[in-house]
PDB file of N, CA and C in Angstrom:
ATOM      1  N   MET A   1      90.991  83.571 126.960  1.00  0.00           N
ATOM      2  CA  MET A   1      91.292  83.412 125.542  1.00  0.00           C
ATOM      3  C   MET A   1      91.264  81.931 125.194  1.00  0.00           C
ATOM      4  N   ASP A   2      90.585  81.604 124.147  1.00  0.00           N
ATOM      5  CA  ASP A   2      90.533  80.206 123.739  1.00  0.00           C
ATOM      6  C   ASP A   2      91.646  79.906 122.738  1.00  0.00           C
ATOM      7  N   PHE A   3      91.683  78.644 122.324  1.00  0.00           N
ATOM      8  CA  PHE A   3      92.760  78.184 121.454  1.00  0.00           C
ATOM      9  C   PHE A   3      92.753  78.922 120.117  1.00  0.00           C
ATOM     10  N   ASN A   4      91.591  79.102 119.516  1.00  0.00           N
ATOM     11  CA  ASN A   4      91.527  79.726 118.189  1.00  0.00           C
ATOM     12  C   ASN A   4      92.076  81.152 118.213  1.00  0.00           C
ATOM     13  N   GLU A   5      91.739  81.908 119.239  1.00  0.00           N
ATOM     14  CA  GLU A   5      92.221  83.287 119.329  1.00  0.00           C
ATOM     15  C   GLU A   5      93.731  83.325 119.512  1.00  0.00           C
ATOM     16  N   ASN A   6      94.259  82.470 120.369  1.00  0.00           N
ATOM     17  CA  ASN A   6      95.713  82.417 120.562  1.00  0.00           C
ATOM     18  C   ASN A   6      96.430  81.966 119.295  1.00  0.00           C
ATOM     19  N   PHE A   7      95.832  81.023 118.592  1.00  0.00           N
ATOM     20  CA  PHE A   7      96.427  80.536 117.350  1.00  0.00           C
ATOM     21  C   PHE A   7      96.491  81.645 116.308  1.00  0.00           C
ATOM     22  N   ILE A   8      95.416  82.412 116.182  1.00  0.00           N
ATOM     23  CA  ILE A   8      95.379  83.514 115.221  1.00  0.00           C
ATOM     24  C   ILE A   8      96.401  84.583 115.587  1.00  0.00           C
ATOM     25  N   LEU A   9      96.503  84.905 116.867  1.00  0.00           N
ATOM     26  CA  LEU A   9      97.490  85.903 117.298  1.00  0.00           C
ATOM     27  C   LEU A   9      98.917  85.420 117.034  1.00  0.00           C
ATOM     28  N   GLY A  10      99.179  84.156 117.281  1.00  0.00           N
ATOM     29  CA  GLY A  10     100.512  83.600 117.026  1.00  0.00           C
ATOM     30  C   GLY A  10     100.856  83.600 115.555  1.00  0.00           C
ATOM     31  N   CYS A  11      99.898  83.213 114.725  1.00  0.00           N
ATOM     32  CA  CYS A  11     100.145  83.222 113.274  1.00  0.00           C
ATOM     33  C   CYS A  11     100.326  84.646 112.760  1.00  0.00           C
ATOM     34  N   SER A  12      99.606  85.608 113.345  1.00  0.00           N
ATOM     35  CA  SER A  12      99.785  87.006 112.948  1.00  0.00           C
ATOM     36  C   SER A  12     101.189  87.485 113.287  1.00  0.00           C
ATOM     37  N   ALA A  13     101.705  87.088 114.450  1.00  0.00           N
ATOM     38  CA  ALA A  13     103.065  87.484 114.832  1.00  0.00           C
ATOM     39  C   ALA A  13     104.102  86.854 113.907  1.00  0.00           C
ATOM     40  N   ILE A  14     103.913  85.592 113.556  1.00  0.00           N
ATOM     41  CA  ILE A  14     104.842  84.935 112.633  1.00  0.00           C
ATOM     42  C   ILE A  14     104.781  85.592 111.261  1.00  0.00           C
ATOM     43  N   GLY A  15     103.568  85.899 110.792  1.00  0.00           N
ATOM     44  CA  GLY A  15     103.421  86.573 109.501  1.00  0.00           C
ATOM     45  C   GLY A  15     104.045  87.951 109.498  1.00  0.00           C
ATOM     46  N   ALA A  16     103.943  88.667 110.622  1.00  0.00           N
ATOM     47  CA  ALA A  16     104.553  89.995 110.712  1.00  0.00           C
ATOM     48  C   ALA A  16     106.075  89.881 110.633  1.00  0.00           C
ATOM     49  N   GLY A  17     106.633  88.897 111.286  1.00  0.00           N
ATOM     50  CA  GLY A  17     108.077  88.695 111.212  1.00  0.00           C
ATOM     51  C   GLY A  17     108.542  88.359 109.802  1.00  0.00           C
ATOM     52  N   LEU A  18     107.780  87.518 109.120  1.00  0.00           N
ATOM     53  CA  LEU A  18     108.133  87.181 107.739  1.00  0.00           C
ATOM     54  C   LEU A  18     107.983  88.390 106.814  1.00  0.00           C
ATOM     55  N   ALA A  19     106.994  89.227 107.085  1.00  0.00           N
ATOM     56  CA  ALA A  19     106.798  90.417 106.244  1.00  0.00           C
ATOM     57  C   ALA A  19     107.943  91.403 106.412  1.00  0.00           C
ATOM     58  N   VAL A  20     108.488  91.512 107.605  1.00  0.00           N
ATOM     59  CA  VAL A  20     109.594  92.444 107.843  1.00  0.00           C
ATOM     60  C   VAL A  20     110.873  91.938 107.171  1.00  0.00           C
ATOM     61  N   ILE A  21     110.991  90.637 107.008  1.00  0.00           N
ATOM     62  CA  ILE A  21     112.159  90.081 106.315  1.00  0.00           C
ATOM     63  C   ILE A  21     112.215  90.579 104.875  1.00  0.00           C
ATOM     64  N   ALA A  22     111.069  91.012 104.347  1.00  0.00           N
ATOM     65  CA  ALA A  22     111.043  91.547 102.982  1.00  0.00           C
ATOM     66  C   ALA A  22     111.906  92.790 102.844  1.00  0.00           C
ATOM     67  N   GLY A  23     112.311  93.410 103.939  1.00  0.00           N
ATOM     68  CA  GLY A  23     113.168  94.589 103.878  1.00  0.00           C
ATOM     69  C   GLY A  23     114.621  94.268 103.580  1.00  0.00           C
ATOM     70  N   ILE A  24     115.011  93.010 103.653  1.00  0.00           N
ATOM     71  CA  ILE A  24     116.403  92.639 103.395  1.00  0.00           C
ATOM     72  C   ILE A  24     116.743  92.809 101.913  1.00  0.00           C
ATOM     73  N   GLY A  25     115.845  92.396 101.040  1.00  0.00           N
ATOM     74  CA  GLY A  25     116.093  92.475  99.601  1.00  0.00           C
ATOM     75  C   GLY A  25     116.344  93.888  99.109  1.00  0.00           C
ATOM     76  N   PRO A  26     115.454  94.827  99.436  1.00  0.00           N
ATOM     77  CA  PRO A  26     115.700  96.198  98.992  1.00  0.00           C
ATOM     78  C   PRO A  26     116.983  96.792  99.567  1.00  0.00           C
ATOM     79  N   GLY A  27     117.326  96.440 100.791  1.00  0.00           N
ATOM     80  CA  GLY A  27     118.555  96.962 101.389  1.00  0.00           C
ATOM     81  C   GLY A  27     119.787  96.498 100.642  1.00  0.00           C
ATOM     82  N   VAL A  28     119.815  95.227 100.303  1.00  0.00           N
ATOM     83  CA  VAL A  28     120.949  94.688  99.550  1.00  0.00           C
ATOM     84  C   VAL A  28     120.990  95.297  98.151  1.00  0.00           C
ATOM     85  N   GLY A  29     119.818  95.368  97.516  1.00  0.00           N
ATOM     86  CA  GLY A  29     119.761  95.924  96.161  1.00  0.00           C
ATOM     87  C   GLY A  29     120.182  97.379  96.110  1.00  0.00           C
ATOM     88  N   GLN A  30     119.776  98.157  97.083  1.00  0.00           N
ATOM     89  CA  GLN A  30     120.154  99.568  97.110  1.00  0.00           C
ATOM     90  C   GLN A  30     121.643  99.739  97.362  1.00  0.00           C
ATOM     91  N   GLY A  31     122.205  98.894  98.188  1.00  0.00           N
ATOM     92  CA  GLY A  31     123.648  98.960  98.422  1.00  0.00           C
ATOM     93  C   GLY A  31     124.439  98.639  97.167  1.00  0.00           C
ATOM     94  N   ILE A  32     123.989  97.633  96.448  1.00  0.00           N
ATOM     95  CA  ILE A  32     124.661  97.278  95.199  1.00  0.00           C
ATOM     96  C   ILE A  32     124.530  98.413  94.186  1.00  0.00           C
ATOM     97  N   ALA A  33     123.319  98.984  94.088  1.00  0.00           N
ATOM     98  CA  ALA A  33     123.104 100.088  93.137  1.00  0.00           C
ATOM     99  C   ALA A  33     123.978 101.289  93.477  1.00  0.00           C
ATOM    100  N   ALA A  34     124.079 101.624  94.757  1.00  0.00           N
ATOM    101  CA  ALA A  34     124.908 102.760  95.160  1.00  0.00           C
ATOM    102  C   ALA A  34     126.379 102.489  94.860  1.00  0.00           C
ATOM    103  N   GLY A  35     126.824 101.273  95.074  1.00  0.00           N
ATOM    104  CA  GLY A  35     128.214 100.925  94.772  1.00  0.00           C
ATOM    105  C   GLY A  35     128.528 101.029  93.296  1.00  0.00           C
ATOM    106  N   HIS A  36     127.615 100.535  92.465  1.00  0.00           N
ATOM    107  CA  HIS A  36     127.834 100.631  91.024  1.00  0.00           C
ATOM    108  C   HIS A  36     127.757 102.081  90.543  1.00  0.00           C
ATOM    109  N   ALA A  37     126.871 102.864  91.147  1.00  0.00           N
ATOM    110  CA  ALA A  37     126.780 104.281  90.768  1.00  0.00           C
ATOM    111  C   ALA A  37     128.061 105.018  91.143  1.00  0.00           C
ATOM    112  N   ALA A  38     128.613 104.717  92.308  1.00  0.00           N
ATOM    113  CA  ALA A  38     129.865 105.356  92.710  1.00  0.00           C
ATOM    114  C   ALA A  38     131.001 104.968  91.767  1.00  0.00           C
ATOM    115  N   ALA A  39     131.015 103.710  91.341  1.00  0.00           N
ATOM    116  CA  ALA A  39     132.042 103.276  90.389  1.00  0.00           C
ATOM    117  C   ALA A  39     131.850 103.969  89.043  1.00  0.00           C
ATOM    118  N   ALA A  40     130.584 104.152  88.625  1.00  0.00           N
ATOM    119  CA  ALA A  40     130.325 104.812  87.348  1.00  0.00           C
ATOM    120  C   ALA A  40     130.732 106.276  87.387  1.00  0.00           C
ATOM    121  N   VAL A  41     130.481 106.942  88.503  1.00  0.00           N
ATOM    122  CA  VAL A  41     130.898 108.339  88.638  1.00  0.00           C
ATOM    123  C   VAL A  41     132.418 108.432  88.648  1.00  0.00           C
ATOM    124  N   GLY A  42     133.072 107.447  89.232  1.00  0.00           N
ATOM    125  CA  GLY A  42     134.534 107.442  89.222  1.00  0.00           C
ATOM    126  C   GLY A  42     135.101 107.296  87.822  1.00  0.00           C
ATOM    127  N   ARG A  43     134.417 106.525  86.981  1.00  0.00           N
ATOM    128  CA  ARG A  43     134.878 106.350  85.606  1.00  0.00           C
ATOM    129  C   ARG A  43     134.539 107.549  84.727  1.00  0.00           C
ATOM    130  N   ASN A  44     133.378 108.182  84.989  1.00  0.00           N
ATOM    131  CA  ASN A  44     132.937 109.292  84.137  1.00  0.00           C
ATOM    132  C   ASN A  44     132.349 110.396  85.018  1.00  0.00           C
ATOM    133  N   PRO A  45     133.163 111.255  85.581  1.00  0.00           N
ATOM    134  CA  PRO A  45     132.666 112.299  86.478  1.00  0.00           C
ATOM    135  C   PRO A  45     131.720 113.293  85.812  1.00  0.00           C
ATOM    136  N   GLY A  46     131.797 113.429  84.507  1.00  0.00           N
ATOM    137  CA  GLY A  46     130.929 114.361  83.801  1.00  0.00           C
ATOM    138  C   GLY A  46     129.463 113.945  83.807  1.00  0.00           C
ATOM    139  N   ALA A  47     129.192 112.676  83.974  1.00  0.00           N
ATOM    140  CA  ALA A  47     127.812 112.169  83.959  1.00  0.00           C
ATOM    141  C   ALA A  47     127.260 111.996  85.369  1.00  0.00           C
ATOM    142  N   ARG A  48     127.844 112.703  86.308  1.00  0.00           N
ATOM    143  CA  ARG A  48     127.468 112.519  87.712  1.00  0.00           C
ATOM    144  C   ARG A  48     125.989 112.778  87.976  1.00  0.00           C
ATOM    145  N   SER A  49     125.445 113.861  87.456  1.00  0.00           N
ATOM    146  CA  SER A  49     124.050 114.201  87.744  1.00  0.00           C
ATOM    147  C   SER A  49     123.099 113.171  87.133  1.00  0.00           C
ATOM    148  N   ASP A  50     123.375 112.704  85.921  1.00  0.00           N
ATOM    149  CA  ASP A  50     122.522 111.689  85.298  1.00  0.00           C
ATOM    150  C   ASP A  50     122.571 110.376  86.060  1.00  0.00           C
ATOM    151  N   ILE A  51     123.755 109.977  86.475  1.00  0.00           N
ATOM    152  CA  ILE A  51     123.909 108.727  87.211  1.00  0.00           C
ATOM    153  C   ILE A  51     123.210 108.816  88.561  1.00  0.00           C
ATOM    154  N   THR A  52     123.382 109.919  89.259  1.00  0.00           N
ATOM    155  CA  THR A  52     122.775 110.093  90.576  1.00  0.00           C
ATOM    156  C   THR A  52     121.248 110.097  90.472  1.00  0.00           C
ATOM    157  N   THR A  53     120.708 110.785  89.485  1.00  0.00           N
ATOM    158  CA  THR A  53     119.262 110.846  89.311  1.00  0.00           C
ATOM    159  C   THR A  53     118.685 109.458  89.040  1.00  0.00           C
ATOM    160  N   THR A  54     119.319 108.730  88.132  1.00  0.00           N
ATOM    161  CA  THR A  54     118.851 107.388  87.803  1.00  0.00           C
ATOM    162  C   THR A  54     118.955 106.453  89.000  1.00  0.00           C
ATOM    163  N   MET A  55     120.050 106.557  89.751  1.00  0.00           N
ATOM    164  CA  MET A  55     120.227 105.699  90.920  1.00  0.00           C
ATOM    165  C   MET A  55     119.167 105.986  91.971  1.00  0.00           C
ATOM    166  N   LEU A  56     118.907 107.247  92.248  1.00  0.00           N
ATOM    167  CA  LEU A  56     117.923 107.592  93.278  1.00  0.00           C
ATOM    168  C   LEU A  56     116.517 107.169  92.872  1.00  0.00           C
ATOM    169  N   LEU A  57     116.176 107.289  91.606  1.00  0.00           N
ATOM    170  CA  LEU A  57     114.876 106.838  91.133  1.00  0.00           C
ATOM    171  C   LEU A  57     114.741 105.322  91.288  1.00  0.00           C
ATOM    172  N   GLY A  58     115.778 104.606  90.930  1.00  0.00           N
ATOM    173  CA  GLY A  58     115.762 103.150  91.084  1.00  0.00           C
ATOM    174  C   GLY A  58     115.674 102.727  92.540  1.00  0.00           C
ATOM    175  N   GLN A  59     116.361 103.435  93.416  1.00  0.00           N
ATOM    176  CA  GLN A  59     116.307 103.087  94.833  1.00  0.00           C
ATOM    177  C   GLN A  59     114.940 103.399  95.426  1.00  0.00           C
ATOM    178  N   ALA A  60     114.298 104.459  94.975  1.00  0.00           N
ATOM    179  CA  ALA A  60     112.963 104.788  95.467  1.00  0.00           C
ATOM    180  C   ALA A  60     111.961 103.705  95.067  1.00  0.00           C
ATOM    181  N   VAL A  61     112.090 103.209  93.857  1.00  0.00           N
ATOM    182  CA  VAL A  61     111.200 102.137  93.404  1.00  0.00           C
ATOM    183  C   VAL A  61     111.476 100.848  94.178  1.00  0.00           C
ATOM    184  N   ALA A  62     112.742 100.549  94.427  1.00  0.00           N
ATOM    185  CA  ALA A  62     113.088  99.326  95.153  1.00  0.00           C
ATOM    186  C   ALA A  62     112.637  99.385  96.610  1.00  0.00           C
ATOM    187  N   GLU A  63     112.616 100.558  97.183  1.00  0.00           N
ATOM    188  CA  GLU A  63     112.265 100.699  98.599  1.00  0.00           C
ATOM    189  C   GLU A  63     110.781 100.439  98.846  1.00  0.00           C
ATOM    190  N   THR A  64     109.956 100.553  97.830  1.00  0.00           N
ATOM    191  CA  THR A  64     108.521 100.366  98.047  1.00  0.00           C
ATOM    192  C   THR A  64     108.202  98.967  98.542  1.00  0.00           C
ATOM    193  N   THR A  65     108.946  97.950  98.104  1.00  0.00           N
ATOM    194  CA  THR A  65     108.658  96.599  98.581  1.00  0.00           C
ATOM    195  C   THR A  65     108.945  96.477 100.073  1.00  0.00           C
ATOM    196  N   GLY A  66     109.998  97.103 100.540  1.00  0.00           N
ATOM    197  CA  GLY A  66     110.288  97.090 101.971  1.00  0.00           C
ATOM    198  C   GLY A  66     109.221  97.820 102.770  1.00  0.00           C
ATOM    199  N   LEU A  67     108.728  98.932 102.235  1.00  0.00           N
ATOM    200  CA  LEU A  67     107.674  99.677 102.926  1.00  0.00           C
ATOM    201  C   LEU A  67     106.363  98.904 102.944  1.00  0.00           C
ATOM    202  N   TYR A  68     106.063  98.182 101.858  1.00  0.00           N
ATOM    203  CA  TYR A  68     104.863  97.338 101.852  1.00  0.00           C
ATOM    204  C   TYR A  68     104.973  96.238 102.908  1.00  0.00           C
ATOM    205  N   GLY A  69     106.135  95.652 103.039  1.00  0.00           N
ATOM    206  CA  GLY A  69     106.333  94.629 104.069  1.00  0.00           C
ATOM    207  C   GLY A  69     106.151  95.195 105.463  1.00  0.00           C
ATOM    208  N   LEU A  70     106.665  96.394 105.699  1.00  0.00           N
ATOM    209  CA  LEU A  70     106.486  97.042 106.998  1.00  0.00           C
ATOM    210  C   LEU A  70     105.020  97.346 107.264  1.00  0.00           C
ATOM    211  N   ALA A  71     104.305  97.817 106.253  1.00  0.00           N
ATOM    212  CA  ALA A  71     102.885  98.111 106.421  1.00  0.00           C
ATOM    213  C   ALA A  71     102.089  96.847 106.742  1.00  0.00           C
ATOM    214  N   VAL A  72     102.404  95.755 106.079  1.00  0.00           N
ATOM    215  CA  VAL A  72     101.720  94.488 106.353  1.00  0.00           C
ATOM    216  C   VAL A  72     102.021  94.023 107.773  1.00  0.00           C
ATOM    217  N   ALA A  73     103.274  94.160 108.207  1.00  0.00           N
ATOM    218  CA  ALA A  73     103.641  93.749 109.560  1.00  0.00           C
ATOM    219  C   ALA A  73     102.896  94.571 110.608  1.00  0.00           C
ATOM    220  N   ILE A  74     102.794  95.872 110.405  1.00  0.00           N
ATOM    221  CA  ILE A  74     102.086  96.726 111.359  1.00  0.00           C
ATOM    222  C   ILE A  74     100.606  96.352 111.399  1.00  0.00           C
ATOM    223  N   LEU A  75     100.022  96.098 110.239  1.00  0.00           N
ATOM    224  CA  LEU A  75      98.623  95.690 110.205  1.00  0.00           C
ATOM    225  C   LEU A  75      98.411  94.366 110.931  1.00  0.00           C
ATOM    226  N   LEU A  76      99.286  93.410 110.709  1.00  0.00           N
ATOM    227  CA  LEU A  76      99.139  92.106 111.362  1.00  0.00           C
ATOM    228  C   LEU A  76      99.300  92.201 112.875  1.00  0.00           C
ATOM    229  N   LEU A  77     100.178  93.068 113.334  1.00  0.00           N
ATOM    230  CA  LEU A  77     100.425  93.151 114.771  1.00  0.00           C
ATOM    231  C   LEU A  77      99.382  93.971 115.523  1.00  0.00           C
ATOM    232  N   PHE A  78      98.904  95.040 114.911  1.00  0.00           N
ATOM    233  CA  PHE A  78      98.069  95.972 115.682  1.00  0.00           C
ATOM    234  C   PHE A  78      96.599  95.999 115.286  1.00  0.00           C
ATOM    235  N   VAL A  79      96.253  95.592 114.089  1.00  0.00           N
ATOM    236  CA  VAL A  79      94.850  95.659 113.683  1.00  0.00           C
ATOM    237  C   VAL A  79      94.105  94.386 114.056  1.00  0.00           C
ATOM    238  N   LYS A  80      94.756  93.221 113.904  1.00  0.00           N
ATOM    239  CA  LYS A  80      94.170  91.915 114.212  1.00  0.00           C
ATOM    240  C   LYS A  80      92.810  91.744 113.542  1.00  0.00           C
ATOM    241  N   PRO A  81      92.781  91.698 112.210  1.00  0.00           N
ATOM    242  CA  PRO A  81      91.511  91.690 111.501  1.00  0.00           C
ATOM    243  C   PRO A  81      90.710  90.393 111.652  1.00  0.00           C
ATOM    244  N   LEU A  82      91.343  89.288 112.023  1.00  0.00           N
ATOM    245  CA  LEU A  82      90.615  88.023 112.107  1.00  0.00           C
ATOM    246  C   LEU A  82      89.938  87.785 113.436  1.00  0.00           C
ATOM    247  N   LEU A  83      90.111  88.684 114.394  1.00  0.00           N
ATOM    248  CA  LEU A  83      89.473  88.513 115.703  1.00  0.00           C
ATOM    249  C   LEU A  83      88.199  89.332 115.740  1.00  0.00           C
ATOM    250  N   TRP A  84      87.076  88.660 115.989  1.00  0.00           N
ATOM    251  CA  TRP A  84      85.807  89.394 116.047  1.00  0.00           C
ATOM    252  C   TRP A  84      85.387  89.639 117.452  1.00  0.00           C
TER     253      TRP A  84
END
């Protein structure tokens, strides 16, 4: 293996690690959303189904960024597109 190939593999590993860090944001956001939804249900139990539906929809949308980061990390680690 020459220097260029090792350099590309190393940069791919670093990029994969940075891409996985993208999962921290959605995790924090979903935790905050769930906490606020639980507080809202505590204040108004009659609106439980509406609050739960809205919270789950918001969490599904927020989770897509974490899944995109995971997909990019898997591609960088296993596909190695820059090596011919």
